[in-house]
């Protein structure tokens, strides 16, 4: 997978970081330097905070659970506002919030996801991103905050690995902006290139416990079927992306126009 629009930002301690801008949309190219996506910023080093600051990001939206955020809090440059939007607050359990178990007991974790179980669980989680009340509230709050006239600078949203909850946030927003389906999936699948090198220590640790790295790919990477499950749920439940935004997220036509103006 190649980053055709050169949006990846290489900051070693901020993996899976890229600009949402650059892709053609219904109103011209999505604006660069306005909105970013990434994995957790809990490992951002002092040196890399300086590089991060050059992006002008003043608001960070954390889509993780409260437990995830408490266990690995973001390390942000001074003056950066962090807003917690717990997508999975209503979920009793979710594979998307359980990846951290790979560092504690990888063999048991992977064994529980054999025979296609990982794919099935991820696809169900991706449906939750569309149908779960806490998810609808979180993504609505994200969009409304982006529209806030008092918000300054660029913004970024992330979860733990920046691929699932973050993946749907990016895919749904890009689709709302009129980005082609092919480009939306390309952005989503770019995670397999941008994230996996940063997870090499996790892969090596799992291998030391007798877990083959290929068994981890459904968990640490992304697959088209995962995102397709979100879009299928969206069409089944709401009818399309516009109805998802208006009926599901409760956004008005004026607010959708505002988003398009800010971002494209």
C-alpha atoms as a PDB file:
ATOM      1  CA  UNK A   1       0.000   0.000   0.000  1.00  0.00           C
ATOM      2  CA  UNK A   2       1.443   3.355  -1.059  1.00  0.00           C
ATOM      3  CA  UNK A   3       0.422   6.719   0.346  1.00  0.00           C
ATOM      4  CA  UNK A   4      -0.544   8.167  -3.018  1.00  0.00           C
ATOM      5  CA  UNK A   5      -1.334  11.613  -1.597  1.00  0.00           C
ATOM      6  CA  UNK A   6       1.736  11.780   0.676  1.00  0.00           C
ATOM      7  CA  UNK A   7      -0.201  12.315   3.883  1.00  0.00           C
ATOM      8  CA  UNK A   8       1.821  10.183   6.303  1.00  0.00           C
ATOM      9  CA  UNK A   9       3.652  12.158   8.997  1.00  0.00           C
ATOM     10  CA  UNK A  10       6.770  10.366  10.212  1.00  0.00           C
ATOM     11  CA  UNK A  11       7.134  10.895  13.960  1.00  0.00           C
ATOM     12  CA  UNK A  12       8.682   7.807  15.516  1.00  0.00           C
ATOM     13  CA  UNK A  13       6.805   7.921  18.814  1.00  0.00           C
ATOM     14  CA  UNK A  14       3.467   8.873  17.197  1.00  0.00           C
ATOM     15  CA  UNK A  15       2.702   5.866  14.972  1.00  0.00           C
ATOM     16  CA  UNK A  16       0.030   5.719  12.284  1.00  0.00           C
ATOM     17  CA  UNK A  17      -0.081   9.508  12.073  1.00  0.00           C
ATOM     18  CA  UNK A  18      -1.330  11.069   8.874  1.00  0.00           C
ATOM     19  CA  UNK A  19      -3.105  14.107   7.536  1.00  0.00           C
ATOM     20  CA  UNK A  20      -6.701  13.510   6.490  1.00  0.00           C
ATOM     21  CA  UNK A  21      -6.222  16.116   3.781  1.00  0.00           C
ATOM     22  CA  UNK A  22      -5.057  15.814   0.203  1.00  0.00           C
ATOM     23  CA  UNK A  23      -7.634  13.473  -1.298  1.00  0.00           C
ATOM     24  CA  UNK A  24     -10.084  14.676  -3.979  1.00  0.00           C
ATOM     25  CA  UNK A  25     -13.576  15.331  -2.615  1.00  0.00           C
ATOM     26  CA  UNK A  26     -16.893  16.629  -3.907  1.00  0.00           C
ATOM     27  CA  UNK A  27     -15.764  20.243  -3.307  1.00  0.00           C
ATOM     28  CA  UNK A  28     -12.124  19.969  -4.332  1.00  0.00           C
ATOM     29  CA  UNK A  29      -9.320  18.367  -2.371  1.00  0.00           C
ATOM     30  CA  UNK A  30      -9.759  17.786   1.360  1.00  0.00           C
ATOM     31  CA  UNK A  31      -7.774  20.557   3.064  1.00  0.00           C
ATOM     32  CA  UNK A  32      -4.349  19.689   4.405  1.00  0.00           C
ATOM     33  CA  UNK A  33      -3.131  20.637   7.855  1.00  0.00           C
ATOM     34  CA  UNK A  34      -6.624  20.827   9.397  1.00  0.00           C
ATOM     35  CA  UNK A  35      -7.377  17.341  10.726  1.00  0.00           C
ATOM     36  CA  UNK A  36      -5.122  14.383  11.532  1.00  0.00           C
ATOM     37  CA  UNK A  37      -5.515  10.786  12.699  1.00  0.00           C
ATOM     38  CA  UNK A  38      -3.090   8.628  14.676  1.00  0.00           C
ATOM     39  CA  UNK A  39      -2.580   5.867  17.197  1.00  0.00           C
ATOM     40  CA  UNK A  40      -2.285   6.643  20.903  1.00  0.00           C
ATOM     41  CA  UNK A  41       0.038   9.523  21.794  1.00  0.00           C
ATOM     42  CA  UNK A  42       0.997   7.980  25.133  1.00  0.00           C
ATOM     43  CA  UNK A  43       4.600   7.362  24.002  1.00  0.00           C
ATOM     44  CA  UNK A  44       5.250  10.771  22.464  1.00  0.00           C
ATOM     45  CA  UNK A  45       8.812  11.659  23.515  1.00  0.00           C
ATOM     46  CA  UNK A  46       9.970  15.092  24.593  1.00  0.00           C
ATOM     47  CA  UNK A  47      11.882  15.486  21.339  1.00  0.00           C
ATOM     48  CA  UNK A  48       8.971  14.333  19.192  1.00  0.00           C
ATOM     49  CA  UNK A  49       6.624  16.694  21.029  1.00  0.00           C
ATOM     50  CA  UNK A  50       8.567  19.461  19.306  1.00  0.00           C
ATOM     51  CA  UNK A  51       7.951  17.930  15.884  1.00  0.00           C
ATOM     52  CA  UNK A  52       4.327  17.292  16.803  1.00  0.00           C
ATOM     53  CA  UNK A  53       3.917  20.968  17.757  1.00  0.00           C
ATOM     54  CA  UNK A  54       4.902  22.048  14.246  1.00  0.00           C
ATOM     55  CA  UNK A  55       1.655  20.496  12.974  1.00  0.00           C
ATOM     56  CA  UNK A  56      -0.329  23.151  14.823  1.00  0.00           C
ATOM     57  CA  UNK A  57      -2.559  20.595  16.553  1.00  0.00           C
ATOM     58  CA  UNK A  58      -4.283  22.239  19.504  1.00  0.00           C
ATOM     59  CA  UNK A  59      -7.142  19.783  20.104  1.00  0.00           C
ATOM     60  CA  UNK A  60      -6.810  16.005  20.487  1.00  0.00           C
ATOM     61  CA  UNK A  61      -9.905  13.797  20.552  1.00  0.00           C
ATOM     62  CA  UNK A  62      -9.275  10.534  22.416  1.00  0.00           C
ATOM     63  CA  UNK A  63     -11.731   7.842  21.302  1.00  0.00           C
ATOM     64  CA  UNK A  64     -10.487   5.250  23.809  1.00  0.00           C
ATOM     65  CA  UNK A  65     -12.300   3.884  26.828  1.00  0.00           C
ATOM     66  CA  UNK A  66     -11.696   5.569  30.166  1.00  0.00           C
ATOM     67  CA  UNK A  67      -9.689   2.529  31.292  1.00  0.00           C
ATOM     68  CA  UNK A  68      -7.444   2.639  28.210  1.00  0.00           C
ATOM     69  CA  UNK A  69      -6.814   6.349  28.609  1.00  0.00           C
ATOM     70  CA  UNK A  70      -6.047   5.990  32.322  1.00  0.00           C
ATOM     71  CA  UNK A  71      -3.621   3.133  31.726  1.00  0.00           C
ATOM     72  CA  UNK A  72      -1.711   4.927  28.946  1.00  0.00           C
ATOM     73  CA  UNK A  73      -2.418   8.672  29.117  1.00  0.00           C
ATOM     74  CA  UNK A  74      -1.465  10.857  26.183  1.00  0.00           C
ATOM     75  CA  UNK A  75       1.759  12.884  26.453  1.00  0.00           C
ATOM     76  CA  UNK A  76       0.849  16.107  24.701  1.00  0.00           C
ATOM     77  CA  UNK A  77       2.692  19.405  24.246  1.00  0.00           C
ATOM     78  CA  UNK A  78       1.735  22.065  26.780  1.00  0.00           C
ATOM     79  CA  UNK A  79      -1.419  23.907  25.847  1.00  0.00           C
ATOM     80  CA  UNK A  80      -2.942  21.051  23.817  1.00  0.00           C
ATOM     81  CA  UNK A  81      -6.528  20.299  24.807  1.00  0.00           C
ATOM     82  CA  UNK A  82      -7.501  16.641  25.121  1.00  0.00           C
ATOM     83  CA  UNK A  83     -11.169  15.690  24.827  1.00  0.00           C
ATOM     84  CA  UNK A  84     -12.252  12.143  25.743  1.00  0.00           C
ATOM     85  CA  UNK A  85     -14.985  10.679  23.524  1.00  0.00           C
ATOM     86  CA  UNK A  86     -15.482   7.077  24.645  1.00  0.00           C
ATOM     87  CA  UNK A  87     -16.892   5.324  21.587  1.00  0.00           C
ATOM     88  CA  UNK A  88     -17.261   1.982  23.394  1.00  0.00           C
ATOM     89  CA  UNK A  89     -18.686   3.222  26.707  1.00  0.00           C
ATOM     90  CA  UNK A  90     -21.818   1.099  26.200  1.00  0.00           C
ATOM     91  CA  UNK A  91     -19.928  -2.074  25.269  1.00  0.00           C
ATOM     92  CA  UNK A  92     -19.486  -4.756  27.916  1.00  0.00           C
ATOM     93  CA  UNK A  93     -16.466  -6.008  25.946  1.00  0.00           C
ATOM     94  CA  UNK A  94     -14.927  -5.251  22.566  1.00  0.00           C
ATOM     95  CA  UNK A  95     -12.055  -6.728  20.621  1.00  0.00           C
ATOM     96  CA  UNK A  96     -11.178  -3.183  19.510  1.00  0.00           C
ATOM     97  CA  UNK A  97     -10.392  -2.233  23.113  1.00  0.00           C
ATOM     98  CA  UNK A  98      -8.654  -5.515  24.006  1.00  0.00           C
ATOM     99  CA  UNK A  99      -5.551  -5.405  21.832  1.00  0.00           C
ATOM    100  CA  UNK A 100      -3.470  -4.401  24.855  1.00  0.00           C
ATOM    101  CA  UNK A 101      -3.843  -7.965  26.157  1.00  0.00           C
ATOM    102  CA  UNK A 102      -1.273  -9.016  23.586  1.00  0.00           C
ATOM    103  CA  UNK A 103       1.478  -7.639  25.801  1.00  0.00           C
ATOM    104  CA  UNK A 104       0.348  -9.544  28.904  1.00  0.00           C
ATOM    105  CA  UNK A 105      -0.764 -12.987  27.706  1.00  0.00           C
ATOM    106  CA  UNK A 106      -0.423 -13.182  23.915  1.00  0.00           C
ATOM    107  CA  UNK A 107      -0.785 -16.963  23.624  1.00  0.00           C
ATOM    108  CA  UNK A 108      -4.119 -17.118  25.472  1.00  0.00           C
ATOM    109  CA  UNK A 109      -5.407 -14.012  23.697  1.00  0.00           C
ATOM    110  CA  UNK A 110      -4.585 -15.318  20.228  1.00  0.00           C
ATOM    111  CA  UNK A 111      -5.873 -18.824  21.003  1.00  0.00           C
ATOM    112  CA  UNK A 112      -9.252 -17.336  21.867  1.00  0.00           C
ATOM    113  CA  UNK A 113      -9.415 -15.754  18.419  1.00  0.00           C
ATOM    114  CA  UNK A 114      -8.551 -18.763  16.259  1.00  0.00           C
ATOM    115  CA  UNK A 115     -10.580 -20.228  13.381  1.00  0.00           C
ATOM    116  CA  UNK A 116     -11.829 -16.882  12.091  1.00  0.00           C
ATOM    117  CA  UNK A 117     -13.114 -15.694  15.464  1.00  0.00           C
ATOM    118  CA  UNK A 118     -10.950 -12.564  15.342  1.00  0.00           C
ATOM    119  CA  UNK A 119     -12.434 -11.483  12.024  1.00  0.00           C
ATOM    120  CA  UNK A 120     -15.978 -12.107  13.249  1.00  0.00           C
ATOM    121  CA  UNK A 121     -15.408 -10.142  16.448  1.00  0.00           C
ATOM    122  CA  UNK A 122     -13.835  -7.207  14.630  1.00  0.00           C
ATOM    123  CA  UNK A 123     -16.662  -7.091  12.107  1.00  0.00           C
ATOM    124  CA  UNK A 124     -19.179  -7.031  14.963  1.00  0.00           C
ATOM    125  CA  UNK A 125     -17.241  -4.240  16.680  1.00  0.00           C
ATOM    126  CA  UNK A 126     -17.304  -2.236  13.466  1.00  0.00           C
ATOM    127  CA  UNK A 127     -21.064  -2.613  13.405  1.00  0.00           C
ATOM    128  CA  UNK A 128     -21.092  -1.289  16.976  1.00  0.00           C
ATOM    129  CA  UNK A 129     -19.299   1.857  15.810  1.00  0.00           C
ATOM    130  CA  UNK A 130     -22.433   2.640  13.812  1.00  0.00           C
ATOM    131  CA  UNK A 131     -25.275   1.309  15.977  1.00  0.00           C
ATOM    132  CA  UNK A 132     -24.138   1.731  19.597  1.00  0.00           C
ATOM    133  CA  UNK A 133     -25.523   4.820  21.393  1.00  0.00           C
ATOM    134  CA  UNK A 134     -22.165   5.691  22.954  1.00  0.00           C
ATOM    135  CA  UNK A 135     -20.551   5.531  19.515  1.00  0.00           C
ATOM    136  CA  UNK A 136     -23.203   7.756  17.980  1.00  0.00           C
ATOM    137  CA  UNK A 137     -22.750  10.224  20.838  1.00  0.00           C
ATOM    138  CA  UNK A 138     -18.957  10.179  20.534  1.00  0.00           C
ATOM    139  CA  UNK A 139     -18.859  10.744  16.784  1.00  0.00           C
ATOM    140  CA  UNK A 140     -21.567  13.406  17.014  1.00  0.00           C
ATOM    141  CA  UNK A 141     -19.505  15.203  19.670  1.00  0.00           C
ATOM    142  CA  UNK A 142     -16.409  14.946  17.464  1.00  0.00           C
ATOM    143  CA  UNK A 143     -18.155  16.593  14.527  1.00  0.00           C
ATOM    144  CA  UNK A 144     -19.771  19.286  16.661  1.00  0.00           C
ATOM    145  CA  UNK A 145     -16.454  20.134  18.290  1.00  0.00           C
ATOM    146  CA  UNK A 146     -14.805  20.446  14.887  1.00  0.00           C
ATOM    147  CA  UNK A 147     -17.511  23.004  14.090  1.00  0.00           C
ATOM    148  CA  UNK A 148     -16.908  24.990  17.289  1.00  0.00           C
ATOM    149  CA  UNK A 149     -15.999  28.545  16.261  1.00  0.00           C
ATOM    150  CA  UNK A 150     -13.929  28.950  19.437  1.00  0.00           C
ATOM    151  CA  UNK A 151     -11.694  25.984  18.603  1.00  0.00           C
ATOM    152  CA  UNK A 152      -8.224  27.046  17.544  1.00  0.00           C
ATOM    153  CA  UNK A 153      -5.643  25.364  15.316  1.00  0.00           C
ATOM    154  CA  UNK A 154      -5.652  21.909  13.786  1.00  0.00           C
ATOM    155  CA  UNK A 155      -7.207  18.830  15.416  1.00  0.00           C
ATOM    156  CA  UNK A 156      -6.396  15.139  15.705  1.00  0.00           C
ATOM    157  CA  UNK A 157      -8.409  12.081  16.698  1.00  0.00           C
ATOM    158  CA  UNK A 158      -7.050   8.723  17.839  1.00  0.00           C
ATOM    159  CA  UNK A 159      -7.786   5.512  19.720  1.00  0.00           C
ATOM    160  CA  UNK A 160      -5.214   2.934  20.872  1.00  0.00           C
ATOM    161  CA  UNK A 161      -3.750   1.752  17.580  1.00  0.00           C
ATOM    162  CA  UNK A 162      -5.495   4.308  15.381  1.00  0.00           C
ATOM    163  CA  UNK A 163      -7.101   1.701  13.156  1.00  0.00           C
ATOM    164  CA  UNK A 164     -10.620   0.751  14.303  1.00  0.00           C
ATOM    165  CA  UNK A 165     -12.541   3.478  16.146  1.00  0.00           C
ATOM    166  CA  UNK A 166     -10.264   5.955  14.408  1.00  0.00           C
ATOM    167  CA  UNK A 167     -10.719   4.092  11.132  1.00  0.00           C
ATOM    168  CA  UNK A 168     -14.487   4.553  11.169  1.00  0.00           C
ATOM    169  CA  UNK A 169     -14.190   8.205  12.215  1.00  0.00           C
ATOM    170  CA  UNK A 170     -11.956   8.865   9.219  1.00  0.00           C
ATOM    171  CA  UNK A 171     -13.931   6.730   6.767  1.00  0.00           C
ATOM    172  CA  UNK A 172     -17.305   8.221   7.673  1.00  0.00           C
ATOM    173  CA  UNK A 173     -16.020  11.784   7.606  1.00  0.00           C
ATOM    174  CA  UNK A 174     -14.207  11.350   4.280  1.00  0.00           C
ATOM    175  CA  UNK A 175     -17.342   9.769   2.821  1.00  0.00           C
ATOM    176  CA  UNK A 176     -19.414  12.723   4.027  1.00  0.00           C
ATOM    177  CA  UNK A 177     -16.968  15.020   2.248  1.00  0.00           C
ATOM    178  CA  UNK A 178     -17.521  13.152  -0.998  1.00  0.00           C
ATOM    179  CA  UNK A 179     -14.202  11.302  -1.153  1.00  0.00           C
ATOM    180  CA  UNK A 180     -14.414   8.266  -3.428  1.00  0.00           C
ATOM    181  CA  UNK A 181     -14.937   4.815  -1.938  1.00  0.00           C
ATOM    182  CA  UNK A 182     -11.583   3.702  -3.363  1.00  0.00           C
ATOM    183  CA  UNK A 183      -9.728   6.535  -1.639  1.00  0.00           C
ATOM    184  CA  UNK A 184     -11.610   5.973   1.635  1.00  0.00           C
ATOM    185  CA  UNK A 185     -10.515   2.330   1.653  1.00  0.00           C
ATOM    186  CA  UNK A 186      -6.973   3.299   0.644  1.00  0.00           C
ATOM    187  CA  UNK A 187      -6.733   5.607   3.663  1.00  0.00           C
ATOM    188  CA  UNK A 188      -8.112   2.874   5.891  1.00  0.00           C
ATOM    189  CA  UNK A 189      -5.751   0.188   4.586  1.00  0.00           C
ATOM    190  CA  UNK A 190      -2.759   2.551   4.793  1.00  0.00           C
ATOM    191  CA  UNK A 191      -2.697   1.578   8.469  1.00  0.00           C
ATOM    192  CA  UNK A 192      -1.208  -1.768   7.459  1.00  0.00           C
ATOM    193  CA  UNK A 193       1.823   0.127   6.155  1.00  0.00           C
ATOM    194  CA  UNK A 194       2.043   2.917   8.730  1.00  0.00           C
ATOM    195  CA  UNK A 195       1.246   1.017  11.943  1.00  0.00           C
ATOM    196  CA  UNK A 196       2.727  -2.459  11.735  1.00  0.00           C
ATOM    197  CA  UNK A 197       6.419  -1.361  11.849  1.00  0.00           C
ATOM    198  CA  UNK A 198       5.726   0.376  15.168  1.00  0.00           C
ATOM    199  CA  UNK A 199       4.213  -2.852  16.511  1.00  0.00           C
ATOM    200  CA  UNK A 200       7.347  -4.890  15.832  1.00  0.00           C
ATOM    201  CA  UNK A 201       8.172  -5.130  19.578  1.00  0.00           C
ATOM    202  CA  UNK A 202       4.694  -6.574  20.215  1.00  0.00           C
ATOM    203  CA  UNK A 203       5.184  -9.068  17.397  1.00  0.00           C
ATOM    204  CA  UNK A 204       8.584 -10.117  18.710  1.00  0.00           C
ATOM    205  CA  UNK A 205       7.270 -10.496  22.250  1.00  0.00           C
ATOM    206  CA  UNK A 206       4.395 -12.643  21.007  1.00  0.00           C
ATOM    207  CA  UNK A 207       6.826 -14.792  19.008  1.00  0.00           C
ATOM    208  CA  UNK A 208       8.893 -15.304  22.150  1.00  0.00           C
ATOM    209  CA  UNK A 209       5.736 -16.841  23.683  1.00  0.00           C
ATOM    210  CA  UNK A 210       5.322 -19.198  20.750  1.00  0.00           C
ATOM    211  CA  UNK A 211       2.763 -17.159  18.827  1.00  0.00           C
ATOM    212  CA  UNK A 212       3.283 -16.942  15.068  1.00  0.00           C
ATOM    213  CA  UNK A 213       3.112 -13.382  13.781  1.00  0.00           C
ATOM    214  CA  UNK A 214       0.737 -14.367  10.988  1.00  0.00           C
ATOM    215  CA  UNK A 215      -1.810 -15.263  13.671  1.00  0.00           C
ATOM    216  CA  UNK A 216      -1.663 -11.645  14.890  1.00  0.00           C
ATOM    217  CA  UNK A 217      -2.414 -10.006  11.545  1.00  0.00           C
ATOM    218  CA  UNK A 218      -6.238 -10.070  11.916  1.00  0.00           C
ATOM    219  CA  UNK A 219      -5.798  -8.295  15.269  1.00  0.00           C
ATOM    220  CA  UNK A 220      -2.973  -5.828  14.618  1.00  0.00           C
ATOM    221  CA  UNK A 221      -3.807  -4.995  11.021  1.00  0.00           C
ATOM    222  CA  UNK A 222      -6.976  -3.950   9.220  1.00  0.00           C
ATOM    223  CA  UNK A 223      -9.029  -5.753   6.599  1.00  0.00           C
ATOM    224  CA  UNK A 224     -11.515  -4.518   4.044  1.00  0.00           C
ATOM    225  CA  UNK A 225     -14.209  -6.714   5.587  1.00  0.00           C
ATOM    226  CA  UNK A 226     -13.964  -4.806   8.873  1.00  0.00           C
ATOM    227  CA  UNK A 227     -14.733  -1.410   7.368  1.00  0.00           C
ATOM    228  CA  UNK A 228     -17.276  -2.985   5.017  1.00  0.00           C
ATOM    229  CA  UNK A 229     -19.192  -4.189   8.106  1.00  0.00           C
ATOM    230  CA  UNK A 230     -19.538  -0.577   9.313  1.00  0.00           C
ATOM    231  CA  UNK A 231     -20.794   0.594   5.934  1.00  0.00           C
ATOM    232  CA  UNK A 232     -23.204  -2.339   5.700  1.00  0.00           C
ATOM    233  CA  UNK A 233     -24.603  -1.522   9.151  1.00  0.00           C
ATOM    234  CA  UNK A 234     -24.906   2.127   8.137  1.00  0.00           C
ATOM    235  CA  UNK A 235     -26.894   1.266   5.004  1.00  0.00           C
ATOM    236  CA  UNK A 236     -29.099  -1.245   6.825  1.00  0.00           C
ATOM    237  CA  UNK A 237     -29.856   1.042   9.750  1.00  0.00           C
ATOM    238  CA  UNK A 238     -29.932   4.493   8.180  1.00  0.00           C
ATOM    239  CA  UNK A 239     -29.915   4.125   4.408  1.00  0.00           C
ATOM    240  CA  UNK A 240     -26.747   6.024   3.558  1.00  0.00           C
ATOM    241  CA  UNK A 241     -24.045   8.380   4.770  1.00  0.00           C
ATOM    242  CA  UNK A 242     -26.241  11.497   4.755  1.00  0.00           C
ATOM    243  CA  UNK A 243     -28.947   9.762   6.793  1.00  0.00           C
ATOM    244  CA  UNK A 244     -26.323   8.392   9.181  1.00  0.00           C
ATOM    245  CA  UNK A 245     -25.153  11.950   9.785  1.00  0.00           C
ATOM    246  CA  UNK A 246     -28.609  13.506  10.114  1.00  0.00           C
ATOM    247  CA  UNK A 247     -30.692  10.723  11.682  1.00  0.00           C
ATOM    248  CA  UNK A 248     -27.928   8.856  13.532  1.00  0.00           C
ATOM    249  CA  UNK A 249     -25.685  11.695  14.645  1.00  0.00           C
ATOM    250  CA  UNK A 250     -28.375  14.367  14.706  1.00  0.00           C
ATOM    251  CA  UNK A 251     -26.484  16.839  12.538  1.00  0.00           C
ATOM    252  CA  UNK A 252     -28.390  19.466  10.591  1.00  0.00           C
ATOM    253  CA  UNK A 253     -27.883  20.225   6.914  1.00  0.00           C
ATOM    254  CA  UNK A 254     -26.301  23.503   7.971  1.00  0.00           C
ATOM    255  CA  UNK A 255     -23.822  21.710  10.209  1.00  0.00           C
ATOM    256  CA  UNK A 256     -22.913  19.293   7.431  1.00  0.00           C
ATOM    257  CA  UNK A 257     -22.335  22.258   5.137  1.00  0.00           C
ATOM    258  CA  UNK A 258     -20.139  23.776   7.846  1.00  0.00           C
ATOM    259  CA  UNK A 259     -18.035  20.619   8.065  1.00  0.00           C
ATOM    260  CA  UNK A 260     -17.554  20.580   4.321  1.00  0.00           C
ATOM    261  CA  UNK A 261     -16.548  24.244   4.385  1.00  0.00           C
ATOM    262  CA  UNK A 262     -13.968  23.699   7.128  1.00  0.00           C
ATOM    263  CA  UNK A 263     -12.464  20.553   5.657  1.00  0.00           C
ATOM    264  CA  UNK A 264     -12.770  20.821   1.888  1.00  0.00           C
END
